Amino acid sequence: IQLGAGFLVLVAGAALGGDGAKTAVIFIFL
């Protein structure tokens, strides 16, 4: 569950920046 949640957190974090924007580094730590 934690493994899957990690990937989904990164996907959600990438979506926050919008198309073409780079992902915030905090989501890599998460």
Full PDB file with SEQRES, HELIX, SHEET, SSBOND, CRYST1, ORIGX, SCALE, CONECT and MASTER records, all heavy atoms in Angstrom:
SEQRES   1 A   30  ILE GLN LEU GLY ALA GLY PHE LEU VAL LEU VAL ALA GLY          
SEQRES   2 A   30  ALA ALA LEU GLY GLY ASP GLY ALA LYS THR ALA VAL ILE          
SEQRES   3 A   30  PHE ILE PHE LEU                                              
HELIX    1 AA1 GLN A    2  LEU A   16  1                                  15    
HELIX    2 AA2 ILE A   26  PHE A   29  1                                   4    
CRYST1    1.000    1.000    1.000  90.00  90.00  90.00 P 1           1          
ORIGX1      1.000000  0.000000  0.000000        0.00000                         
ORIGX2      0.000000  1.000000  0.000000        0.00000                         
ORIGX3      0.000000  0.000000  1.000000        0.00000                         
SCALE1      1.000000  0.000000  0.000000        0.00000                         
SCALE2      0.000000  1.000000  0.000000        0.00000                         
SCALE3      0.000000  0.000000  1.000000        0.00000                         
ATOM      1  N   ILE A   1       0.839  -1.200   0.000  1.00  0.00           N  
ATOM      2  CA  ILE A   1       0.000   0.000   0.000  1.00  0.00           C  
ATOM      3  C   ILE A   1       0.876   1.253   0.000  1.00  0.00           C  
ATOM      4  O   ILE A   1       0.634   2.209  -0.752  1.00  0.00           O  
ATOM      5  CB  ILE A   1      -0.950  -0.016   1.208  1.00  0.00           C  
ATOM      6  CG1 ILE A   1      -2.042  -1.079   0.996  1.00  0.00           C  
ATOM      7  CG2 ILE A   1      -1.583   1.358   1.440  1.00  0.00           C  
ATOM      8  CD1 ILE A   1      -2.919  -1.311   2.202  1.00  0.00           C  
ATOM      9  N   GLN A   2       1.915   1.264   0.836  1.00  0.00           N  
ATOM     10  CA  GLN A   2       2.812   2.421   0.874  1.00  0.00           C  
ATOM     11  C   GLN A   2       3.589   2.577  -0.428  1.00  0.00           C  
ATOM     12  O   GLN A   2       3.834   3.702  -0.896  1.00  0.00           O  
ATOM     13  CB  GLN A   2       3.773   2.281   2.057  1.00  0.00           C  
ATOM     14  CG  GLN A   2       3.071   2.390   3.406  1.00  0.00           C  
ATOM     15  CD  GLN A   2       3.959   1.952   4.554  1.00  0.00           C  
ATOM     16  OE1 GLN A   2       4.713   2.749   5.089  1.00  0.00           O  
ATOM     17  NE2 GLN A   2       3.877   0.687   4.923  1.00  0.00           N  
ATOM     18  N   LEU A   3       3.954   1.447  -1.026  1.00  0.00           N  
ATOM     19  CA  LEU A   3       4.657   1.480  -2.308  1.00  0.00           C  
ATOM     20  C   LEU A   3       3.772   2.128  -3.379  1.00  0.00           C  
ATOM     21  O   LEU A   3       4.206   3.037  -4.105  1.00  0.00           O  
ATOM     22  CB  LEU A   3       5.025   0.053  -2.715  1.00  0.00           C  
ATOM     23  CG  LEU A   3       5.879  -0.122  -3.963  1.00  0.00           C  
ATOM     24  CD1 LEU A   3       7.298   0.369  -3.726  1.00  0.00           C  
ATOM     25  CD2 LEU A   3       5.903  -1.597  -4.374  1.00  0.00           C  
ATOM     26  N   GLY A   4       2.523   1.670  -3.463  1.00  0.00           N  
ATOM     27  CA  GLY A   4       1.606   2.250  -4.440  1.00  0.00           C  
ATOM     28  C   GLY A   4       1.325   3.711  -4.152  1.00  0.00           C  
ATOM     29  O   GLY A   4       1.272   4.545  -5.075  1.00  0.00           O  
ATOM     30  N   ALA A   5       1.167   4.043  -2.864  1.00  0.00           N  
ATOM     31  CA  ALA A   5       0.894   5.433  -2.494  1.00  0.00           C  
ATOM     32  C   ALA A   5       2.041   6.344  -2.901  1.00  0.00           C  
ATOM     33  O   ALA A   5       1.819   7.499  -3.303  1.00  0.00           O  
ATOM     34  CB  ALA A   5       0.658   5.531  -0.985  1.00  0.00           C  
ATOM     35  N   GLY A   6       3.270   5.856  -2.837  1.00  0.00           N  
ATOM     36  CA  GLY A   6       4.415   6.662  -3.243  1.00  0.00           C  
ATOM     37  C   GLY A   6       4.321   7.084  -4.702  1.00  0.00           C  
ATOM     38  O   GLY A   6       4.529   8.253  -5.041  1.00  0.00           O  
ATOM     39  N   PHE A   7       3.999   6.113  -5.576  1.00  0.00           N  
ATOM     40  CA  PHE A   7       3.866   6.452  -7.000  1.00  0.00           C  
ATOM     41  C   PHE A   7       2.709   7.425  -7.225  1.00  0.00           C  
ATOM     42  O   PHE A   7       2.833   8.372  -8.012  1.00  0.00           O  
ATOM     43  CB  PHE A   7       3.641   5.181  -7.823  1.00  0.00           C  
ATOM     44  CG  PHE A   7       4.888   4.359  -8.023  1.00  0.00           C  
ATOM     45  CD1 PHE A   7       5.025   3.120  -7.419  1.00  0.00           C  
ATOM     46  CD2 PHE A   7       5.928   4.826  -8.811  1.00  0.00           C  
ATOM     47  CE1 PHE A   7       6.171   2.358  -7.603  1.00  0.00           C  
ATOM     48  CE2 PHE A   7       7.077   4.074  -9.002  1.00  0.00           C  
ATOM     49  CZ  PHE A   7       7.195   2.836  -8.388  1.00  0.00           C  
ATOM     50  N   LEU A   8       1.601   7.199  -6.552  1.00  0.00           N  
ATOM     51  CA  LEU A   8       0.431   8.059  -6.763  1.00  0.00           C  
ATOM     52  C   LEU A   8       0.673   9.464  -6.236  1.00  0.00           C  
ATOM     53  O   LEU A   8       0.181  10.445  -6.812  1.00  0.00           O  
ATOM     54  CB  LEU A   8      -0.796   7.429  -6.093  1.00  0.00           C  
ATOM     55  CG  LEU A   8      -1.230   6.077  -6.683  1.00  0.00           C  
ATOM     56  CD1 LEU A   8      -2.418   5.512  -5.927  1.00  0.00           C  
ATOM     57  CD2 LEU A   8      -1.552   6.210  -8.170  1.00  0.00           C  
ATOM     58  N   VAL A   9       1.440   9.595  -5.151  1.00  0.00           N  
ATOM     59  CA  VAL A   9       1.793  10.923  -4.646  1.00  0.00           C  
ATOM     60  C   VAL A   9       2.636  11.678  -5.673  1.00  0.00           C  
ATOM     61  O   VAL A   9       2.430  12.870  -5.919  1.00  0.00           O  
ATOM     62  CB  VAL A   9       2.544  10.804  -3.296  1.00  0.00           C  
ATOM     63  CG1 VAL A   9       3.271  12.109  -2.962  1.00  0.00           C  
ATOM     64  CG2 VAL A   9       1.575  10.451  -2.184  1.00  0.00           C  
ATOM     65  N   LEU A  10       3.577  10.986  -6.311  1.00  0.00           N  
ATOM     66  CA  LEU A  10       4.402  11.635  -7.333  1.00  0.00           C  
ATOM     67  C   LEU A  10       3.555  12.060  -8.536  1.00  0.00           C  
ATOM     68  O   LEU A  10       3.713  13.170  -9.065  1.00  0.00           O  
ATOM     69  CB  LEU A  10       5.514  10.693  -7.789  1.00  0.00           C  
ATOM     70  CG  LEU A  10       6.431  11.239  -8.896  1.00  0.00           C  
ATOM     71  CD1 LEU A  10       7.154  12.496  -8.436  1.00  0.00           C  
ATOM     72  CD2 LEU A  10       7.434  10.187  -9.351  1.00  0.00           C  
ATOM     73  N   VAL A  11       2.647  11.181  -8.956  1.00  0.00           N  
ATOM     74  CA  VAL A  11       1.770  11.514 -10.087  1.00  0.00           C  
ATOM     75  C   VAL A  11       0.914  12.738  -9.751  1.00  0.00           C  
ATOM     76  O   VAL A  11       0.772  13.660 -10.564  1.00  0.00           O  
ATOM     77  CB  VAL A  11       0.881  10.301 -10.447  1.00  0.00           C  
ATOM     78  CG1 VAL A  11      -0.178  10.705 -11.480  1.00  0.00           C  
ATOM     79  CG2 VAL A  11       1.729   9.156 -10.990  1.00  0.00           C  
ATOM     80  N   ALA A  12       0.360  12.767  -8.532  1.00  0.00           N  
ATOM     81  CA  ALA A  12      -0.455  13.910  -8.113  1.00  0.00           C  
ATOM     82  C   ALA A  12       0.383  15.181  -8.027  1.00  0.00           C  
ATOM     83  O   ALA A  12      -0.055  16.266  -8.438  1.00  0.00           O  
ATOM     84  CB  ALA A  12      -1.112  13.617  -6.759  1.00  0.00           C  
ATOM     85  N   GLY A  13       1.600  15.059  -7.514  1.00  0.00           N  
ATOM     86  CA  GLY A  13       2.480  16.211  -7.404  1.00  0.00           C  
ATOM     87  C   GLY A  13       2.853  16.776  -8.762  1.00  0.00           C  
ATOM     88  O   GLY A  13       2.936  18.000  -8.951  1.00  0.00           O  
ATOM     89  N   ALA A  14       3.065  15.870  -9.739  1.00  0.00           N  
ATOM     90  CA  ALA A  14       3.393  16.330 -11.094  1.00  0.00           C  
ATOM     91  C   ALA A  14       2.211  17.069 -11.708  1.00  0.00           C  
ATOM     92  O   ALA A  14       2.392  18.056 -12.436  1.00  0.00           O  
ATOM     93  CB  ALA A  14       3.784  15.133 -11.962  1.00  0.00           C  
ATOM     94  N   ALA A  15       0.995  16.613 -11.410  1.00  0.00           N  
ATOM     95  CA  ALA A  15      -0.205  17.255 -11.967  1.00  0.00           C  
ATOM     96  C   ALA A  15      -0.419  18.655 -11.408  1.00  0.00           C  
ATOM     97  O   ALA A  15      -0.985  19.524 -12.086  1.00  0.00           O  
ATOM     98  CB  ALA A  15      -1.432  16.390 -11.694  1.00  0.00           C  
ATOM     99  N   LEU A  16       0.058  18.887 -10.194  1.00  0.00           N  
ATOM    100  CA  LEU A  16      -0.138  20.201  -9.570  1.00  0.00           C  
ATOM    101  C   LEU A  16       0.549  21.313 -10.355  1.00  0.00           C  
ATOM    102  O   LEU A  16       0.076  22.450 -10.379  1.00  0.00           O  
ATOM    103  CB  LEU A  16       0.395  20.185  -8.129  1.00  0.00           C  
ATOM    104  CG  LEU A  16      -0.411  19.378  -7.105  1.00  0.00           C  
ATOM    105  CD1 LEU A  16       0.290  19.400  -5.747  1.00  0.00           C  
ATOM    106  CD2 LEU A  16      -1.826  19.942  -6.974  1.00  0.00           C  
ATOM    107  N   GLY A  17       1.667  20.980 -10.995  1.00  0.00           N  
ATOM    108  CA  GLY A  17       2.417  21.999 -11.719  1.00  0.00           C  
ATOM    109  C   GLY A  17       1.849  22.323 -13.085  1.00  0.00           C  
ATOM    110  O   GLY A  17       2.262  23.300 -13.705  1.00  0.00           O  
ATOM    111  N   GLY A  18       0.928  21.471 -13.564  1.00  0.00           N  
ATOM    112  CA  GLY A  18       0.362  21.716 -14.886  1.00  0.00           C  
ATOM    113  C   GLY A  18       1.239  21.152 -15.986  1.00  0.00           C  
ATOM    114  O   GLY A  18       2.350  20.655 -15.756  1.00  0.00           O  
ATOM    115  N   ASP A  19       0.746  21.221 -17.201  1.00  0.00           N  
ATOM    116  CA  ASP A  19       1.469  20.678 -18.357  1.00  0.00           C  
ATOM    117  C   ASP A  19       2.777  21.435 -18.586  1.00  0.00           C  
ATOM    118  O   ASP A  19       2.802  22.664 -18.596  1.00  0.00           O  
ATOM    119  CB  ASP A  19       0.609  20.790 -19.612  1.00  0.00           C  
ATOM    120  CG  ASP A  19      -0.608  19.880 -19.552  1.00  0.00           C  
ATOM    121  OD1 ASP A  19      -0.566  18.903 -18.785  1.00  0.00           O  
ATOM    122  OD2 ASP A  19      -1.592  20.168 -20.261  1.00  0.00           O  
ATOM    123  N   GLY A  20       3.831  20.670 -18.764  1.00  0.00           N  
ATOM    124  CA  GLY A  20       5.113  21.270 -19.110  1.00  0.00           C  
ATOM    125  C   GLY A  20       5.925  21.763 -17.935  1.00  0.00           C  
ATOM    126  O   GLY A  20       7.127  22.001 -18.064  1.00  0.00           O  
ATOM    127  N   ALA A  21       5.288  21.935 -16.765  1.00  0.00           N  
ATOM    128  CA  ALA A  21       6.018  22.421 -15.592  1.00  0.00           C  
ATOM    129  C   ALA A  21       6.791  21.276 -14.946  1.00  0.00           C  
ATOM    130  O   ALA A  21       6.364  20.119 -14.976  1.00  0.00           O  
ATOM    131  CB  ALA A  21       5.051  23.029 -14.583  1.00  0.00           C  
ATOM    132  N   LYS A  22       7.924  21.603 -14.363  1.00  0.00           N  
ATOM    133  CA  LYS A  22       8.712  20.587 -13.682  1.00  0.00           C  
ATOM    134  C   LYS A  22       8.088  20.265 -12.326  1.00  0.00           C  
ATOM    135  O   LYS A  22       7.467  21.107 -11.684  1.00  0.00           O  
ATOM    136  CB  LYS A  22      10.152  21.048 -13.514  1.00  0.00           C  
ATOM    137  CG  LYS A  22      10.912  21.098 -14.833  1.00  0.00           C  
ATOM    138  CD  LYS A  22      12.413  21.027 -14.623  1.00  0.00           C  
ATOM    139  CE  LYS A  22      13.121  20.816 -15.954  1.00  0.00           C  
ATOM    140  NZ  LYS A  22      14.568  20.613 -15.786  1.00  0.00           N  
ATOM    141  N   THR A  23       8.285  19.016 -11.887  1.00  0.00           N  
ATOM    142  CA  THR A  23       7.726  18.552 -10.623  1.00  0.00           C  
ATOM    143  C   THR A  23       8.538  19.116  -9.467  1.00  0.00           C  
ATOM    144  O   THR A  23       9.774  19.134  -9.509  1.00  0.00           O  
ATOM    145  CB  THR A  23       7.745  17.011 -10.567  1.00  0.00           C  
ATOM    146  OG1 THR A  23       7.057  16.499 -11.713  1.00  0.00           O  
ATOM    147  CG2 THR A  23       7.088  16.497  -9.298  1.00  0.00           C  
ATOM    148  N   ALA A  24       7.837  19.553  -8.421  1.00  0.00           N  
ATOM    149  CA  ALA A  24       8.525  20.067  -7.235  1.00  0.00           C  
ATOM    150  C   ALA A  24       9.320  18.946  -6.577  1.00  0.00           C  
ATOM    151  O   ALA A  24       8.858  17.808  -6.462  1.00  0.00           O  
ATOM    152  CB  ALA A  24       7.510  20.638  -6.246  1.00  0.00           C  
ATOM    153  N   VAL A  25      10.523  19.251  -6.110  1.00  0.00           N  
ATOM    154  CA  VAL A  25      11.433  18.231  -5.582  1.00  0.00           C  
ATOM    155  C   VAL A  25      10.893  17.568  -4.323  1.00  0.00           C  
ATOM    156  O   VAL A  25      11.257  16.427  -4.006  1.00  0.00           O  
ATOM    157  CB  VAL A  25      12.829  18.859  -5.334  1.00  0.00           C  
ATOM    158  CG1 VAL A  25      12.797  19.772  -4.101  1.00  0.00           C  
ATOM    159  CG2 VAL A  25      13.886  17.772  -5.183  1.00  0.00           C  
ATOM    160  N   ILE A  26       9.988  18.240  -3.603  1.00  0.00           N  
ATOM    161  CA  ILE A  26       9.433  17.658  -2.385  1.00  0.00           C  
ATOM    162  C   ILE A  26       8.761  16.317  -2.668  1.00  0.00           C  
ATOM    163  O   ILE A  26       8.760  15.414  -1.832  1.00  0.00           O  
ATOM    164  CB  ILE A  26       8.427  18.640  -1.721  1.00  0.00           C  
ATOM    165  CG1 ILE A  26       7.913  18.068  -0.397  1.00  0.00           C  
ATOM    166  CG2 ILE A  26       7.267  18.939  -2.654  1.00  0.00           C  
ATOM    167  CD1 ILE A  26       8.967  17.895   0.657  1.00  0.00           C  
ATOM    168  N   PHE A  27       8.223  16.158  -3.886  1.00  0.00           N  
ATOM    169  CA  PHE A  27       7.523  14.916  -4.205  1.00  0.00           C  
ATOM    170  C   PHE A  27       8.500  13.761  -4.432  1.00  0.00           C  
ATOM    171  O   PHE A  27       8.121  12.596  -4.285  1.00  0.00           O  
ATOM    172  CB  PHE A  27       6.593  15.123  -5.403  1.00  0.00           C  
ATOM    173  CG  PHE A  27       5.450  16.043  -5.093  1.00  0.00           C  
ATOM    174  CD1 PHE A  27       5.466  17.372  -5.511  1.00  0.00           C  
ATOM    175  CD2 PHE A  27       4.376  15.601  -4.337  1.00  0.00           C  
ATOM    176  CE1 PHE A  27       4.423  18.226  -5.201  1.00  0.00           C  
ATOM    177  CE2 PHE A  27       3.327  16.447  -4.017  1.00  0.00           C  
ATOM    178  CZ  PHE A  27       3.349  17.763  -4.440  1.00  0.00           C  
ATOM    179  N   ILE A  28       9.726  14.072  -4.793  1.00  0.00           N  
ATOM    180  CA  ILE A  28      10.756  13.028  -4.862  1.00  0.00           C  
ATOM    181  C   ILE A  28      11.096  12.551  -3.448  1.00  0.00           C  
ATOM    182  O   ILE A  28      11.220  11.341  -3.188  1.00  0.00           O  
ATOM    183  CB  ILE A  28      12.008  13.549  -5.583  1.00  0.00           C  
ATOM    184  CG1 ILE A  28      11.673  13.869  -7.042  1.00  0.00           C  
ATOM    185  CG2 ILE A  28      13.152  12.539  -5.499  1.00  0.00           C  
ATOM    186  CD1 ILE A  28      11.199  12.673  -7.850  1.00  0.00           C  
ATOM    187  N   PHE A  29      11.211  13.489  -2.516  1.00  0.00           N  
ATOM    188  CA  PHE A  29      11.447  13.097  -1.128  1.00  0.00           C  
ATOM    189  C   PHE A  29      10.280  12.283  -0.581  1.00  0.00           C  
ATOM    190  O   PHE A  29      10.476  11.337   0.195  1.00  0.00           O  
ATOM    191  CB  PHE A  29      11.686  14.340  -0.261  1.00  0.00           C  
ATOM    192  CG  PHE A  29      13.051  14.928  -0.401  1.00  0.00           C  
ATOM    193  CD1 PHE A  29      13.320  15.908  -1.344  1.00  0.00           C  
ATOM    194  CD2 PHE A  29      14.094  14.482   0.402  1.00  0.00           C  
ATOM    195  CE1 PHE A  29      14.587  16.443  -1.487  1.00  0.00           C  
ATOM    196  CE2 PHE A  29      15.371  15.010   0.268  1.00  0.00           C  
ATOM    197  CZ  PHE A  29      15.623  15.995  -0.674  1.00  0.00           C  
ATOM    198  N   LEU A  30       9.056  12.624  -0.976  1.00  0.00           N  
ATOM    199  CA  LEU A  30       7.878  11.912  -0.474  1.00  0.00           C  
ATOM    200  C   LEU A  30       7.782  10.492  -1.035  1.00  0.00           C  
ATOM    201  O   LEU A  30       7.449   9.550  -0.300  1.00  0.00           O  
ATOM    202  CB  LEU A  30       6.609  12.696  -0.818  1.00  0.00           C  
ATOM    203  CG  LEU A  30       6.354  13.955   0.020  1.00  0.00           C  
ATOM    204  CD1 LEU A  30       5.134  14.701  -0.498  1.00  0.00           C  
ATOM    205  CD2 LEU A  30       6.171  13.591   1.500  1.00  0.00           C  
TER     206      LEU A  30                                                      
MASTER        0    0    0    2    0    0    0    6  205    1    0    3          
END                                                                             
